N, C-alpha and C. Protein backbone atom coordinates (compact mmCIF):
# COMPACT_ATOMS: atom_id res chain seq x y z
N MET A 1 58.95 -41.51 16.83
CA MET A 1 58.13 -40.74 15.85
C MET A 1 58.72 -39.37 15.57
N ALA A 2 59.03 -38.71 16.59
CA ALA A 2 59.69 -37.48 16.38
C ALA A 2 60.80 -37.22 15.52
N GLY A 3 61.75 -38.09 15.46
CA GLY A 3 62.72 -38.37 14.56
C GLY A 3 62.30 -38.39 13.08
N LYS A 4 61.51 -39.22 12.93
CA LYS A 4 60.76 -39.65 11.53
C LYS A 4 60.06 -38.25 11.01
N PHE A 5 59.44 -37.65 11.74
CA PHE A 5 58.75 -36.45 11.45
C PHE A 5 59.47 -35.18 11.06
N LEU A 6 60.57 -34.89 12.04
CA LEU A 6 61.37 -34.01 11.97
C LEU A 6 62.64 -34.08 11.12
N GLY A 7 62.84 -35.47 11.00
CA GLY A 7 64.07 -35.73 10.16
C GLY A 7 65.19 -36.11 11.21
N GLN A 8 65.66 -37.27 11.37
CA GLN A 8 66.47 -37.58 12.38
C GLN A 8 67.68 -36.83 12.88
N GLN A 9 68.33 -36.35 11.77
CA GLN A 9 69.36 -35.50 12.10
C GLN A 9 69.26 -34.40 12.82
N PHE A 10 68.18 -33.56 12.29
CA PHE A 10 67.63 -32.56 13.18
C PHE A 10 67.18 -32.71 14.47
N TYR A 11 66.55 -33.88 14.67
CA TYR A 11 65.92 -34.32 15.93
C TYR A 11 66.98 -34.72 16.93
N ASP A 12 68.09 -35.30 16.42
CA ASP A 12 69.28 -35.65 17.26
C ASP A 12 69.85 -34.16 17.80
N ARG A 13 70.14 -33.27 16.85
CA ARG A 13 70.64 -32.12 17.27
C ARG A 13 69.75 -31.41 18.37
N ILE A 14 68.48 -31.17 18.24
CA ILE A 14 67.87 -30.67 19.06
C ILE A 14 67.95 -31.50 20.53
N VAL A 15 67.89 -32.61 20.51
CA VAL A 15 68.11 -33.64 21.83
C VAL A 15 69.47 -33.12 22.35
N ALA A 16 70.64 -33.12 21.42
CA ALA A 16 71.90 -33.03 21.88
C ALA A 16 72.15 -31.41 22.71
N ASN A 17 71.16 -30.57 22.01
CA ASN A 17 71.36 -29.35 22.66
C ASN A 17 70.17 -28.77 23.60
N MET A 18 69.77 -29.94 24.10
CA MET A 18 68.56 -29.57 25.17
C MET A 18 69.29 -29.38 26.54
N LYS A 19 68.71 -28.46 27.47
CA LYS A 19 69.13 -28.39 28.77
C LYS A 19 68.90 -29.64 29.45
N ASP A 20 69.51 -30.13 30.30
CA ASP A 20 69.59 -31.39 31.19
C ASP A 20 69.01 -31.00 32.61
N ASP A 21 67.64 -30.52 32.47
CA ASP A 21 67.12 -30.43 33.83
C ASP A 21 65.51 -30.77 33.84
N LEU A 22 65.02 -30.75 34.93
CA LEU A 22 63.69 -31.31 35.10
C LEU A 22 62.56 -30.76 34.26
N PHE A 23 62.78 -29.40 34.03
CA PHE A 23 61.62 -28.71 33.12
C PHE A 23 61.79 -29.02 31.69
N THR A 24 62.96 -29.25 31.25
CA THR A 24 63.05 -29.72 30.13
C THR A 24 62.44 -31.13 29.95
N LYS A 25 62.88 -32.15 30.85
CA LYS A 25 62.51 -33.55 30.89
C LYS A 25 61.00 -33.43 30.59
N ILE A 26 60.20 -32.72 31.55
CA ILE A 26 58.75 -32.70 31.81
C ILE A 26 58.27 -32.26 30.31
N SER A 27 58.76 -31.23 29.79
CA SER A 27 58.29 -30.71 28.42
C SER A 27 58.60 -31.71 27.52
N MET A 28 59.74 -32.45 27.32
CA MET A 28 60.01 -33.36 26.17
C MET A 28 59.13 -34.62 26.50
N ASP A 29 59.02 -35.15 27.65
CA ASP A 29 57.82 -36.12 27.94
C ASP A 29 56.78 -35.89 27.46
N TYR A 30 56.07 -34.62 27.73
CA TYR A 30 54.74 -34.47 27.30
C TYR A 30 54.74 -34.34 25.71
N ILE A 31 55.85 -33.88 25.15
CA ILE A 31 55.84 -33.51 23.57
C ILE A 31 55.69 -35.15 22.95
N HIS A 32 56.50 -35.99 23.45
CA HIS A 32 56.49 -37.28 23.10
C HIS A 32 55.30 -38.07 23.34
N GLU A 33 54.84 -37.88 24.55
CA GLU A 33 53.56 -38.70 24.88
C GLU A 33 52.22 -38.25 24.24
N VAL A 34 52.07 -37.03 24.09
CA VAL A 34 50.64 -36.46 23.80
C VAL A 34 51.09 -35.84 22.22
N CYS A 35 51.82 -34.92 21.93
CA CYS A 35 52.06 -34.30 20.56
C CYS A 35 52.22 -35.40 19.49
N PHE A 36 53.56 -36.09 19.67
CA PHE A 36 53.89 -37.05 18.48
C PHE A 36 53.21 -38.23 18.50
N SER A 37 52.40 -38.57 19.62
CA SER A 37 51.49 -39.83 19.50
C SER A 37 50.47 -39.43 18.45
N ALA A 38 49.96 -38.24 18.27
CA ALA A 38 49.01 -37.81 17.50
C ALA A 38 49.37 -38.08 15.84
N TYR A 39 50.85 -38.17 15.74
CA TYR A 39 51.14 -38.51 14.25
C TYR A 39 51.02 -39.74 13.78
N ALA A 40 50.63 -40.95 14.84
CA ALA A 40 50.54 -42.19 14.49
C ALA A 40 49.04 -42.41 14.04
N ARG A 41 48.18 -41.44 14.39
CA ARG A 41 46.71 -41.66 14.07
C ARG A 41 46.48 -41.86 12.68
N PRO A 42 45.43 -42.48 12.26
CA PRO A 42 45.20 -42.71 10.96
C PRO A 42 44.62 -41.65 10.27
N ASP A 43 44.56 -41.73 8.82
CA ASP A 43 43.54 -40.55 8.02
C ASP A 43 44.27 -39.40 7.70
N LEU A 44 45.41 -39.05 8.21
CA LEU A 44 46.24 -38.04 7.86
C LEU A 44 47.80 -38.25 7.69
N GLU A 45 48.32 -38.15 6.74
CA GLU A 45 49.78 -38.44 6.56
C GLU A 45 50.52 -37.41 7.32
N PHE A 46 51.93 -37.74 7.40
CA PHE A 46 52.85 -36.70 7.95
C PHE A 46 52.76 -35.31 7.12
N ARG A 47 52.75 -35.53 5.66
CA ARG A 47 52.70 -34.40 4.98
C ARG A 47 51.59 -33.60 5.08
N GLU A 48 50.40 -34.25 5.33
CA GLU A 48 49.12 -33.20 5.51
C GLU A 48 49.41 -32.61 6.97
N ARG A 49 49.68 -33.45 7.85
CA ARG A 49 49.83 -32.83 9.11
C ARG A 49 50.81 -31.53 9.17
N SER A 50 51.89 -31.99 8.51
CA SER A 50 52.95 -30.81 8.50
C SER A 50 52.33 -29.51 7.87
N LEU A 51 51.61 -29.50 6.92
CA LEU A 51 50.93 -28.29 6.30
C LEU A 51 49.91 -27.80 7.29
N LEU A 52 49.06 -28.49 8.12
CA LEU A 52 48.29 -28.00 9.09
C LEU A 52 49.11 -27.18 10.12
N ASN A 53 50.34 -27.84 10.47
CA ASN A 53 51.22 -27.38 11.66
C ASN A 53 51.43 -25.80 11.19
N LEU A 54 52.14 -25.67 9.85
CA LEU A 54 52.47 -24.26 9.57
C LEU A 54 51.22 -23.53 9.37
N GLY A 55 50.15 -23.68 9.05
CA GLY A 55 49.18 -22.69 9.05
C GLY A 55 48.63 -22.43 10.35
N MET A 56 48.71 -23.27 11.44
CA MET A 56 48.21 -23.12 12.67
C MET A 56 49.35 -22.24 13.54
N LEU A 57 50.58 -22.52 13.22
CA LEU A 57 51.91 -21.72 13.98
C LEU A 57 51.83 -20.28 13.37
N ILE A 58 51.56 -20.25 12.02
CA ILE A 58 51.52 -18.87 11.50
C ILE A 58 50.42 -18.08 12.15
N ALA A 59 49.38 -18.66 12.31
CA ALA A 59 48.06 -17.95 12.69
C ALA A 59 48.32 -17.59 14.22
N LEU A 60 49.22 -18.37 15.00
CA LEU A 60 49.53 -18.22 16.51
C LEU A 60 50.77 -17.29 16.72
N GLY A 61 51.38 -16.90 15.53
CA GLY A 61 52.56 -16.17 15.56
C GLY A 61 53.59 -16.79 16.54
N ARG A 62 53.77 -18.24 16.47
CA ARG A 62 54.89 -18.99 17.19
C ARG A 62 56.04 -19.13 16.28
N GLY A 63 56.86 -17.90 16.28
CA GLY A 63 57.98 -18.11 15.22
C GLY A 63 59.01 -19.10 15.58
N PRO A 64 59.43 -19.33 16.77
CA PRO A 64 60.45 -20.29 17.16
C PRO A 64 60.01 -21.96 16.80
N GLU A 65 58.66 -22.04 17.05
CA GLU A 65 58.14 -23.44 16.82
C GLU A 65 57.91 -23.43 15.27
N LEU A 66 57.55 -22.55 14.57
CA LEU A 66 57.50 -22.37 12.98
C LEU A 66 58.81 -22.81 12.38
N ARG A 67 59.72 -22.23 12.97
CA ARG A 67 61.24 -22.65 12.39
C ARG A 67 61.38 -24.07 12.29
N ILE A 68 61.13 -24.85 13.38
CA ILE A 68 61.10 -26.38 13.57
C ILE A 68 60.19 -26.95 12.42
N HIS A 69 58.94 -26.44 12.23
CA HIS A 69 57.96 -27.31 11.46
C HIS A 69 58.20 -26.84 10.00
N ILE A 70 58.94 -25.50 9.79
CA ILE A 70 59.22 -25.47 8.34
C ILE A 70 60.25 -26.52 8.13
N ARG A 71 61.24 -26.79 8.79
CA ARG A 71 62.30 -27.70 8.65
C ARG A 71 61.59 -29.28 8.44
N ALA A 72 60.43 -29.41 9.27
CA ALA A 72 59.77 -30.74 9.15
C ALA A 72 58.97 -30.84 7.87
N ALA A 73 58.49 -29.63 7.50
CA ALA A 73 57.66 -29.69 6.25
C ALA A 73 58.61 -29.96 4.99
N ALA A 74 59.80 -29.40 5.09
CA ALA A 74 60.81 -29.81 4.13
C ALA A 74 61.22 -31.35 4.31
N ASN A 75 61.44 -31.73 5.44
CA ASN A 75 61.61 -33.13 5.47
C ASN A 75 60.61 -34.15 4.98
N ASN A 76 59.41 -33.61 5.08
CA ASN A 76 57.91 -34.35 4.69
C ASN A 76 57.74 -34.26 3.20
N GLY A 77 58.65 -33.59 2.55
CA GLY A 77 58.47 -33.39 1.08
C GLY A 77 58.02 -32.09 0.52
N PHE A 78 57.81 -31.25 1.17
CA PHE A 78 57.18 -29.71 0.65
C PHE A 78 58.47 -29.08 0.23
N THR A 79 58.39 -28.33 -0.87
CA THR A 79 59.53 -27.65 -1.61
C THR A 79 59.49 -26.30 -0.92
N GLU A 80 60.36 -25.61 -1.16
CA GLU A 80 60.72 -24.28 -0.77
C GLU A 80 59.37 -23.31 -1.30
N GLU A 81 59.19 -23.74 -2.52
CA GLU A 81 58.16 -22.79 -3.14
C GLU A 81 56.67 -23.05 -2.47
N GLN A 82 56.48 -24.38 -2.23
CA GLN A 82 55.08 -24.79 -1.54
C GLN A 82 55.19 -24.16 -0.27
N ILE A 83 56.20 -24.16 0.54
CA ILE A 83 55.99 -23.49 1.90
C ILE A 83 55.82 -22.09 1.83
N ALA A 84 56.51 -21.47 0.84
CA ALA A 84 56.37 -19.88 0.25
C ALA A 84 54.69 -19.66 0.20
N GLU A 85 54.24 -20.66 -0.67
CA GLU A 85 52.83 -20.40 -1.08
C GLU A 85 52.01 -20.35 0.25
N ALA A 86 52.33 -21.35 1.08
CA ALA A 86 51.43 -21.62 2.20
C ALA A 86 51.57 -20.43 3.30
N CYS A 87 52.70 -19.80 3.31
CA CYS A 87 52.91 -18.66 3.96
C CYS A 87 52.15 -17.42 3.41
N ARG A 88 52.16 -17.30 2.18
CA ARG A 88 51.49 -16.34 1.41
C ARG A 88 49.72 -16.53 1.55
N HIS A 89 49.57 -17.76 1.38
CA HIS A 89 48.14 -18.08 1.47
C HIS A 89 47.72 -17.75 3.09
N ALA A 90 48.35 -17.93 3.96
CA ALA A 90 47.94 -17.35 5.34
C ALA A 90 47.84 -16.05 5.54
N MET A 91 48.35 -15.22 4.54
CA MET A 91 48.15 -13.93 4.77
C MET A 91 46.53 -13.48 4.61
N ILE A 92 45.85 -14.23 3.89
CA ILE A 92 44.50 -13.91 3.68
C ILE A 92 43.51 -14.11 4.92
N TYR A 93 43.85 -15.30 5.69
CA TYR A 93 43.29 -15.52 6.90
C TYR A 93 43.89 -15.17 8.24
N CYS A 94 45.23 -14.95 8.17
CA CYS A 94 46.03 -14.58 9.52
C CYS A 94 46.17 -13.25 9.34
N GLY A 95 46.46 -12.63 8.37
CA GLY A 95 46.74 -11.12 8.30
C GLY A 95 48.06 -11.15 7.63
N VAL A 96 48.33 -10.13 6.86
CA VAL A 96 49.74 -9.61 6.34
C VAL A 96 50.85 -9.73 7.25
N PRO A 97 50.89 -9.07 8.31
CA PRO A 97 51.98 -9.20 9.16
C PRO A 97 52.28 -10.66 9.71
N ALA A 98 51.42 -11.65 9.98
CA ALA A 98 51.88 -12.92 10.14
C ALA A 98 52.22 -13.62 9.25
N GLY A 99 51.71 -13.48 7.86
CA GLY A 99 52.32 -14.11 6.68
C GLY A 99 53.77 -13.79 6.30
N ARG A 100 53.75 -12.32 6.32
CA ARG A 100 55.07 -11.61 6.03
C ARG A 100 56.14 -12.41 7.01
N ASP A 101 56.00 -12.35 8.29
CA ASP A 101 56.66 -12.94 9.25
C ASP A 101 57.04 -14.34 8.97
N ALA A 102 56.02 -15.14 8.64
CA ALA A 102 56.16 -16.68 8.22
C ALA A 102 57.38 -16.68 6.92
N LEU A 103 57.17 -15.55 6.05
CA LEU A 103 58.02 -15.89 4.93
C LEU A 103 59.43 -15.33 5.46
N ILE A 104 59.43 -14.48 6.08
CA ILE A 104 60.99 -14.33 6.56
C ILE A 104 61.62 -15.34 7.29
N ILE A 105 60.87 -15.84 8.06
CA ILE A 105 61.39 -17.13 8.90
C ILE A 105 61.52 -18.15 8.16
N ALA A 106 60.86 -18.42 6.96
CA ALA A 106 60.99 -19.67 5.92
C ALA A 106 62.27 -19.31 5.23
N SER A 107 62.53 -18.00 4.93
CA SER A 107 63.64 -17.66 4.21
C SER A 107 65.02 -18.03 4.89
N GLU A 108 65.01 -17.45 6.25
CA GLU A 108 65.97 -17.93 6.99
C GLU A 108 66.18 -19.27 7.21
N VAL A 109 65.19 -20.09 7.38
CA VAL A 109 65.35 -21.65 7.57
C VAL A 109 65.84 -22.17 6.29
N PHE A 110 65.59 -21.73 5.11
CA PHE A 110 66.11 -22.45 3.85
C PHE A 110 67.52 -22.04 3.68
N GLU A 111 67.84 -20.58 4.03
CA GLU A 111 69.37 -20.37 4.02
C GLU A 111 70.01 -21.20 4.93
N GLN A 112 69.66 -21.53 6.21
CA GLN A 112 70.38 -22.40 6.99
C GLN A 112 70.47 -23.74 6.39
N LEU A 113 69.30 -24.30 6.05
CA LEU A 113 69.65 -25.57 5.26
C LEU A 113 70.51 -25.58 4.29
N ARG A 114 70.50 -24.48 3.38
CA ARG A 114 71.46 -24.53 2.23
C ARG A 114 72.84 -24.52 2.66
N GLN A 115 73.33 -23.78 3.67
CA GLN A 115 74.56 -23.62 4.30
C GLN A 115 74.95 -24.76 5.02
N ALA A 116 74.10 -25.63 5.57
CA ALA A 116 74.40 -26.86 6.07
C ALA A 116 74.33 -28.09 5.00
N GLY A 117 74.25 -27.86 3.82
CA GLY A 117 74.20 -28.81 2.92
C GLY A 117 73.07 -29.52 3.10
N GLU A 118 71.82 -29.25 3.50
CA GLU A 118 70.67 -30.02 3.84
C GLU A 118 69.56 -29.79 2.83
N TYR A 119 69.84 -28.74 1.95
CA TYR A 119 68.76 -28.36 0.82
C TYR A 119 69.55 -27.85 -0.17
N PRO A 120 69.14 -28.33 -1.61
CA PRO A 120 69.82 -27.91 -2.81
C PRO A 120 69.89 -26.34 -2.90
N LYS A 121 71.28 -25.80 -3.21
CA LYS A 121 71.40 -24.32 -3.39
C LYS A 121 70.84 -23.87 -4.76
N LYS A 122 70.33 -22.63 -4.82
CA LYS A 122 69.43 -22.27 -5.98
C LYS A 122 70.46 -22.07 -7.25
């Protein structure tokens, strides 16, 4: 499920670069058992869950996790413009600093995607 949501290539890179220790194993087991099992539930598609994730991560100020979910949102069909608008909209409810930080992170993520040839160049 994680590879489908995040994009298989990106997920494979995450797994390949993980530490091989007990703490990482416990974390990843939990993420797969609890977090990603929620994506199989009915009534919300990946795309809708992806947008919810962006809003919650922006509100919580979780930059590193937001980077992952911006990539996931692009994988789930959101355009750069739509993600930018979601970040801008978050400014209303989460505050300007949170939305601005999200826009900066999104800009960096899309630049990385372009450099890797994973998103069309402007």
